[in-house]
Amino acid sequence: MAKCEACGKTTTFGHNRSFSLRATNRVFRPNLQKVSLLVNGKKVRKVLCAKCIKTMAKSA
């Protein structure tokens, strides 16, 4: 499933708006990346959104 393992961010839905303001359905998907992290001295592979990766890099 398209879900960040840290913050729980998932797919959201909205509308495309044409020039005539006709609404058609669209999807907003999170920017998910597969990342290897060290957790308690062990290498763990997680699926995280780009924002979570960025904030983890700041704190480390």
PDB file of N, CA and C in Angstrom:
ATOM      1  N   MET A   1       0.842  -1.189   0.000  1.00  0.00           N
ATOM      2  CA  MET A   1       0.000   0.000   0.000  1.00  0.00           C
ATOM      3  C   MET A   1       0.880   1.243   0.000  1.00  0.00           C
ATOM      4  N   ALA A   2       0.436   2.293  -0.668  1.00  0.00           N
ATOM      5  CA  ALA A   2       1.190   3.548  -0.744  1.00  0.00           C
ATOM      6  C   ALA A   2       1.000   4.316   0.559  1.00  0.00           C
ATOM      7  N   LYS A   3       1.895   4.037   1.526  1.00  0.00           N
ATOM      8  CA  LYS A   3       1.780   4.667   2.840  1.00  0.00           C
ATOM      9  C   LYS A   3       3.165   4.836   3.455  1.00  0.00           C
ATOM     10  N   CYS A   4       3.431   6.013   4.010  1.00  0.00           N
ATOM     11  CA  CYS A   4       4.686   6.275   4.697  1.00  0.00           C
ATOM     12  C   CYS A   4       4.672   5.552   6.035  1.00  0.00           C
ATOM     13  N   GLU A   5       5.761   4.843   6.345  1.00  0.00           N
ATOM     14  CA  GLU A   5       5.817   4.078   7.594  1.00  0.00           C
ATOM     15  C   GLU A   5       6.073   4.967   8.809  1.00  0.00           C
ATOM     16  N   ALA A   6       6.512   6.209   8.604  1.00  0.00           N
ATOM     17  CA  ALA A   6       6.795   7.107   9.727  1.00  0.00           C
ATOM     18  C   ALA A   6       5.587   7.978  10.074  1.00  0.00           C
ATOM     19  N   CYS A   7       5.036   8.662   9.082  1.00  0.00           N
ATOM     20  CA  CYS A   7       3.959   9.628   9.372  1.00  0.00           C
ATOM     21  C   CYS A   7       2.582   9.130   8.953  1.00  0.00           C
ATOM     22  N   GLY A   8       2.512   8.066   8.161  1.00  0.00           N
ATOM     23  CA  GLY A   8       1.222   7.520   7.739  1.00  0.00           C
ATOM     24  C   GLY A   8       0.582   8.241   6.567  1.00  0.00           C
ATOM     25  N   LYS A   9       1.359   9.066   5.871  1.00  0.00           N
ATOM     26  CA  LYS A   9       0.825   9.805   4.723  1.00  0.00           C
ATOM     27  C   LYS A   9       0.410   8.838   3.628  1.00  0.00           C
ATOM     28  N   THR A  10      -0.816   9.008   3.099  1.00  0.00           N
ATOM     29  CA  THR A  10      -1.336   8.128   2.059  1.00  0.00           C
ATOM     30  C   THR A  10      -1.852   8.957   0.882  1.00  0.00           C
ATOM     31  N   THR A  11      -2.413   8.266  -0.095  1.00  0.00           N
ATOM     32  CA  THR A  11      -2.987   8.907  -1.265  1.00  0.00           C
ATOM     33  C   THR A  11      -4.208   9.720  -0.862  1.00  0.00           C
ATOM     34  N   THR A  12      -4.323  10.938  -1.412  1.00  0.00           N
ATOM     35  CA  THR A  12      -5.510  11.760  -1.207  1.00  0.00           C
ATOM     36  C   THR A  12      -6.128  12.063  -2.569  1.00  0.00           C
ATOM     37  N   PHE A  13      -7.359  12.498  -2.572  1.00  0.00           N
ATOM     38  CA  PHE A  13      -8.101  12.711  -3.808  1.00  0.00           C
ATOM     39  C   PHE A  13      -8.566  14.152  -3.914  1.00  0.00           C
ATOM     40  N   GLY A  14      -8.693  14.601  -5.151  1.00  0.00           N
ATOM     41  CA  GLY A  14      -9.154  15.959  -5.406  1.00  0.00           C
ATOM     42  C   GLY A  14      -9.715  16.049  -6.809  1.00  0.00           C
ATOM     43  N   HIS A  15      -9.664  17.251  -7.385  1.00  0.00           N
ATOM     44  CA  HIS A  15     -10.209  17.477  -8.717  1.00  0.00           C
ATOM     45  C   HIS A  15      -9.220  18.208  -9.607  1.00  0.00           C
ATOM     46  N   ASN A  16      -9.217  17.842 -10.888  1.00  0.00           N
ATOM     47  CA  ASN A  16      -8.600  18.675 -11.909  1.00  0.00           C
ATOM     48  C   ASN A  16      -9.635  19.730 -12.267  1.00  0.00           C
ATOM     49  N   ARG A  17      -9.188  20.947 -12.466  1.00  0.00           N
ATOM     50  CA  ARG A  17     -10.106  22.017 -12.854  1.00  0.00           C
ATOM     51  C   ARG A  17      -9.691  22.553 -14.208  1.00  0.00           C
ATOM     52  N   SER A  18     -10.557  22.424 -15.202  1.00  0.00           N
ATOM     53  CA  SER A  18     -10.266  22.938 -16.536  1.00  0.00           C
ATOM     54  C   SER A  18     -10.556  24.443 -16.568  1.00  0.00           C
ATOM     55  N   PHE A  19     -10.295  25.051 -17.728  1.00  0.00           N
ATOM     56  CA  PHE A  19     -10.552  26.488 -17.889  1.00  0.00           C
ATOM     57  C   PHE A  19     -12.030  26.817 -17.661  1.00  0.00           C
ATOM     58  N   SER A  20     -12.917  25.890 -18.032  1.00  0.00           N
ATOM     59  CA  SER A  20     -14.353  26.093 -17.822  1.00  0.00           C
ATOM     60  C   SER A  20     -14.793  25.701 -16.409  1.00  0.00           C
ATOM     61  N   LEU A  21     -13.812  25.345 -15.554  1.00  0.00           N
ATOM     62  CA  LEU A  21     -14.016  24.927 -14.161  1.00  0.00           C
ATOM     63  C   LEU A  21     -14.785  23.613 -14.019  1.00  0.00           C
ATOM     64  N   ARG A  22     -14.758  22.801 -15.071  1.00  0.00           N
ATOM     65  CA  ARG A  22     -15.335  21.467 -14.971  1.00  0.00           C
ATOM     66  C   ARG A  22     -14.419  20.622 -14.090  1.00  0.00           C
ATOM     67  N   ALA A  23     -14.977  19.888 -13.138  1.00  0.00           N
ATOM     68  CA  ALA A  23     -14.183  19.110 -12.179  1.00  0.00           C
ATOM     69  C   ALA A  23     -14.115  17.645 -12.612  1.00  0.00           C
ATOM     70  N   THR A  24     -12.896  17.132 -12.761  1.00  0.00           N
ATOM     71  CA  THR A  24     -12.687  15.706 -13.003  1.00  0.00           C
ATOM     72  C   THR A  24     -11.791  15.181 -11.885  1.00  0.00           C
ATOM     73  N   ASN A  25     -11.988  13.938 -11.532  1.00  0.00           N
ATOM     74  CA  ASN A  25     -11.267  13.364 -10.395  1.00  0.00           C
ATOM     75  C   ASN A  25      -9.777  13.193 -10.693  1.00  0.00           C
ATOM     76  N   ARG A  26      -8.959  13.365  -9.664  1.00  0.00           N
ATOM     77  CA  ARG A  26      -7.523  13.135  -9.768  1.00  0.00           C
ATOM     78  C   ARG A  26      -6.993  12.616  -8.450  1.00  0.00           C
ATOM     79  N   VAL A  27      -5.728  12.182  -8.454  1.00  0.00           N
ATOM     80  CA  VAL A  27      -5.111  11.559  -7.286  1.00  0.00           C
ATOM     81  C   VAL A  27      -3.851  12.329  -6.910  1.00  0.00           C
ATOM     82  N   PHE A  28      -3.642  12.569  -5.621  1.00  0.00           N
ATOM     83  CA  PHE A  28      -2.405  13.148  -5.101  1.00  0.00           C
ATOM     84  C   PHE A  28      -1.669  12.041  -4.362  1.00  0.00           C
ATOM     85  N   ARG A  29      -0.546  11.573  -4.937  1.00  0.00           N
ATOM     86  CA  ARG A  29       0.211  10.478  -4.321  1.00  0.00           C
ATOM     87  C   ARG A  29       1.410  11.034  -3.569  1.00  0.00           C
ATOM     88  N   PRO A  30       1.745  10.442  -2.405  1.00  0.00           N
ATOM     89  CA  PRO A  30       2.929  10.895  -1.670  1.00  0.00           C
ATOM     90  C   PRO A  30       4.209  10.471  -2.387  1.00  0.00           C
ATOM     91  N   ASN A  31       5.274  11.227  -2.181  1.00  0.00           N
ATOM     92  CA  ASN A  31       6.573  10.936  -2.784  1.00  0.00           C
ATOM     93  C   ASN A  31       7.289   9.906  -1.908  1.00  0.00           C
ATOM     94  N   LEU A  32       7.009   8.624  -2.145  1.00  0.00           N
ATOM     95  CA  LEU A  32       7.557   7.550  -1.315  1.00  0.00           C
ATOM     96  C   LEU A  32       8.867   7.016  -1.888  1.00  0.00           C
ATOM     97  N   GLN A  33       9.820   6.748  -0.993  1.00  0.00           N
ATOM     98  CA  GLN A  33      11.130   6.230  -1.362  1.00  0.00           C
ATOM     99  C   GLN A  33      11.475   5.051  -0.448  1.00  0.00           C
ATOM    100  N   LYS A  34      12.194   4.061  -0.990  1.00  0.00           N
ATOM    101  CA  LYS A  34      12.699   2.951  -0.175  1.00  0.00           C
ATOM    102  C   LYS A  34      14.057   3.360   0.369  1.00  0.00           C
ATOM    103  N   VAL A  35      14.204   3.332   1.707  1.00  0.00           N
ATOM    104  CA  VAL A  35      15.411   3.819   2.372  1.00  0.00           C
ATOM    105  C   VAL A  35      15.906   2.773   3.354  1.00  0.00           C
ATOM    106  N   SER A  36      17.232   2.624   3.434  1.00  0.00           N
ATOM    107  CA  SER A  36      17.844   1.756   4.438  1.00  0.00           C
ATOM    108  C   SER A  36      18.276   2.608   5.616  1.00  0.00           C
ATOM    109  N   LEU A  37      17.845   2.241   6.822  1.00  0.00           N
ATOM    110  CA  LEU A  37      18.146   2.987   8.041  1.00  0.00           C
ATOM    111  C   LEU A  37      18.792   2.079   9.067  1.00  0.00           C
ATOM    112  N   LEU A  38      19.556   2.666   9.976  1.00  0.00           N
ATOM    113  CA  LEU A  38      20.084   1.929  11.118  1.00  0.00           C
ATOM    114  C   LEU A  38      19.151   2.136  12.303  1.00  0.00           C
ATOM    115  N   VAL A  39      18.515   1.067  12.766  1.00  0.00           N
ATOM    116  CA  VAL A  39      17.617   1.124  13.912  1.00  0.00           C
ATOM    117  C   VAL A  39      18.133   0.132  14.948  1.00  0.00           C
ATOM    118  N   ASN A  40      18.554   0.633  16.096  1.00  0.00           N
ATOM    119  CA  ASN A  40      19.132  -0.195  17.165  1.00  0.00           C
ATOM    120  C   ASN A  40      20.306  -1.037  16.657  1.00  0.00           C
ATOM    121  N   GLY A  41      21.144  -0.447  15.806  1.00  0.00           N
ATOM    122  CA  GLY A  41      22.320  -1.133  15.294  1.00  0.00           C
ATOM    123  C   GLY A  41      22.059  -2.109  14.164  1.00  0.00           C
ATOM    124  N   LYS A  42      20.806  -2.240  13.729  1.00  0.00           N
ATOM    125  CA  LYS A  42      20.469  -3.145  12.636  1.00  0.00           C
ATOM    126  C   LYS A  42      20.013  -2.337  11.426  1.00  0.00           C
ATOM    127  N   LYS A  43      20.346  -2.840  10.236  1.00  0.00           N
ATOM    128  CA  LYS A  43      19.936  -2.187   9.005  1.00  0.00           C
ATOM    129  C   LYS A  43      18.498  -2.594   8.683  1.00  0.00           C
ATOM    130  N   VAL A  44      17.613  -1.609   8.575  1.00  0.00           N
ATOM    131  CA  VAL A  44      16.198  -1.856   8.310  1.00  0.00           C
ATOM    132  C   VAL A  44      15.798  -1.089   7.066  1.00  0.00           C
ATOM    133  N   ARG A  45      15.031  -1.732   6.205  1.00  0.00           N
ATOM    134  CA  ARG A  45      14.549  -1.075   4.995  1.00  0.00           C
ATOM    135  C   ARG A  45      13.117  -0.603   5.225  1.00  0.00           C
ATOM    136  N   LYS A  46      12.870   0.699   4.998  1.00  0.00           N
ATOM    137  CA  LYS A  46      11.546   1.272   5.205  1.00  0.00           C
ATOM    138  C   LYS A  46      11.122   2.064   3.989  1.00  0.00           C
ATOM    139  N   VAL A  47       9.805   2.250   3.857  1.00  0.00           N
ATOM    140  CA  VAL A  47       9.242   3.095   2.813  1.00  0.00           C
ATOM    141  C   VAL A  47       8.809   4.395   3.481  1.00  0.00           C
ATOM    142  N   LEU A  48       9.502   5.499   3.137  1.00  0.00           N
ATOM    143  CA  LEU A  48       9.241   6.787   3.764  1.00  0.00           C
ATOM    144  C   LEU A  48       8.949   7.845   2.708  1.00  0.00           C
ATOM    145  N   CYS A  49       8.180   8.862   3.104  1.00  0.00           N
ATOM    146  CA  CYS A  49       7.954   9.982   2.192  1.00  0.00           C
ATOM    147  C   CYS A  49       9.179  10.904   2.239  1.00  0.00           C
ATOM    148  N   ALA A  50       9.337  11.714   1.206  1.00  0.00           N
ATOM    149  CA  ALA A  50      10.505  12.576   1.072  1.00  0.00           C
ATOM    150  C   ALA A  50      10.620  13.553   2.245  1.00  0.00           C
ATOM    151  N   LYS A  51       9.504  14.011   2.763  1.00  0.00           N
ATOM    152  CA  LYS A  51       9.527  14.951   3.889  1.00  0.00           C
ATOM    153  C   LYS A  51      10.089  14.291   5.144  1.00  0.00           C
ATOM    154  N   CYS A  52       9.712  13.043   5.407  1.00  0.00           N
ATOM    155  CA  CYS A  52      10.236  12.324   6.575  1.00  0.00           C
ATOM    156  C   CYS A  52      11.731  12.058   6.435  1.00  0.00           C
ATOM    157  N   ILE A  53      12.185  11.720   5.214  1.00  0.00           N
ATOM    158  CA  ILE A  53      13.606  11.491   4.974  1.00  0.00           C
ATOM    159  C   ILE A  53      14.385  12.781   5.261  1.00  0.00           C
ATOM    160  N   LYS A  54      13.835  13.898   4.820  1.00  0.00           N
ATOM    161  CA  LYS A  54      14.484  15.186   4.997  1.00  0.00           C
ATOM    162  C   LYS A  54      14.596  15.543   6.474  1.00  0.00           C
ATOM    163  N   THR A  55      13.536  15.346   7.252  1.00  0.00           N
ATOM    164  CA  THR A  55      13.576  15.688   8.676  1.00  0.00           C
ATOM    165  C   THR A  55      14.472  14.734   9.454  1.00  0.00           C
ATOM    166  N   MET A  56      14.545  13.455   9.048  1.00  0.00           N
ATOM    167  CA  MET A  56      15.463  12.513   9.703  1.00  0.00           C
ATOM    168  C   MET A  56      16.913  12.894   9.435  1.00  0.00           C
ATOM    169  N   ALA A  57      17.219  13.387   8.253  1.00  0.00           N
ATOM    170  CA  ALA A  57      18.561  13.824   7.920  1.00  0.00           C
ATOM    171  C   ALA A  57      18.952  15.062   8.727  1.00  0.00           C
ATOM    172  N   LYS A  58      17.991  15.923   9.014  1.00  0.00           N
ATOM    173  CA  LYS A  58      18.247  17.126   9.821  1.00  0.00           C
ATOM    174  C   LYS A  58      18.623  16.760  11.253  1.00  0.00           C
ATOM    175  N   SER A  59      17.890  15.786  11.825  1.00  0.00           N
ATOM    176  CA  SER A  59      18.110  15.435  13.227  1.00  0.00           C
ATOM    177  C   SER A  59      19.379  14.605  13.434  1.00  0.00           C
ATOM    178  N   ALA A  60      19.830  13.924  12.402  1.00  0.00           N
ATOM    179  CA  ALA A  60      21.001  13.036  12.534  1.00  0.00           C
ATOM    180  C   ALA A  60      22.302  13.793  12.353  1.00  0.00           C
TER     181      ALA A  60
END
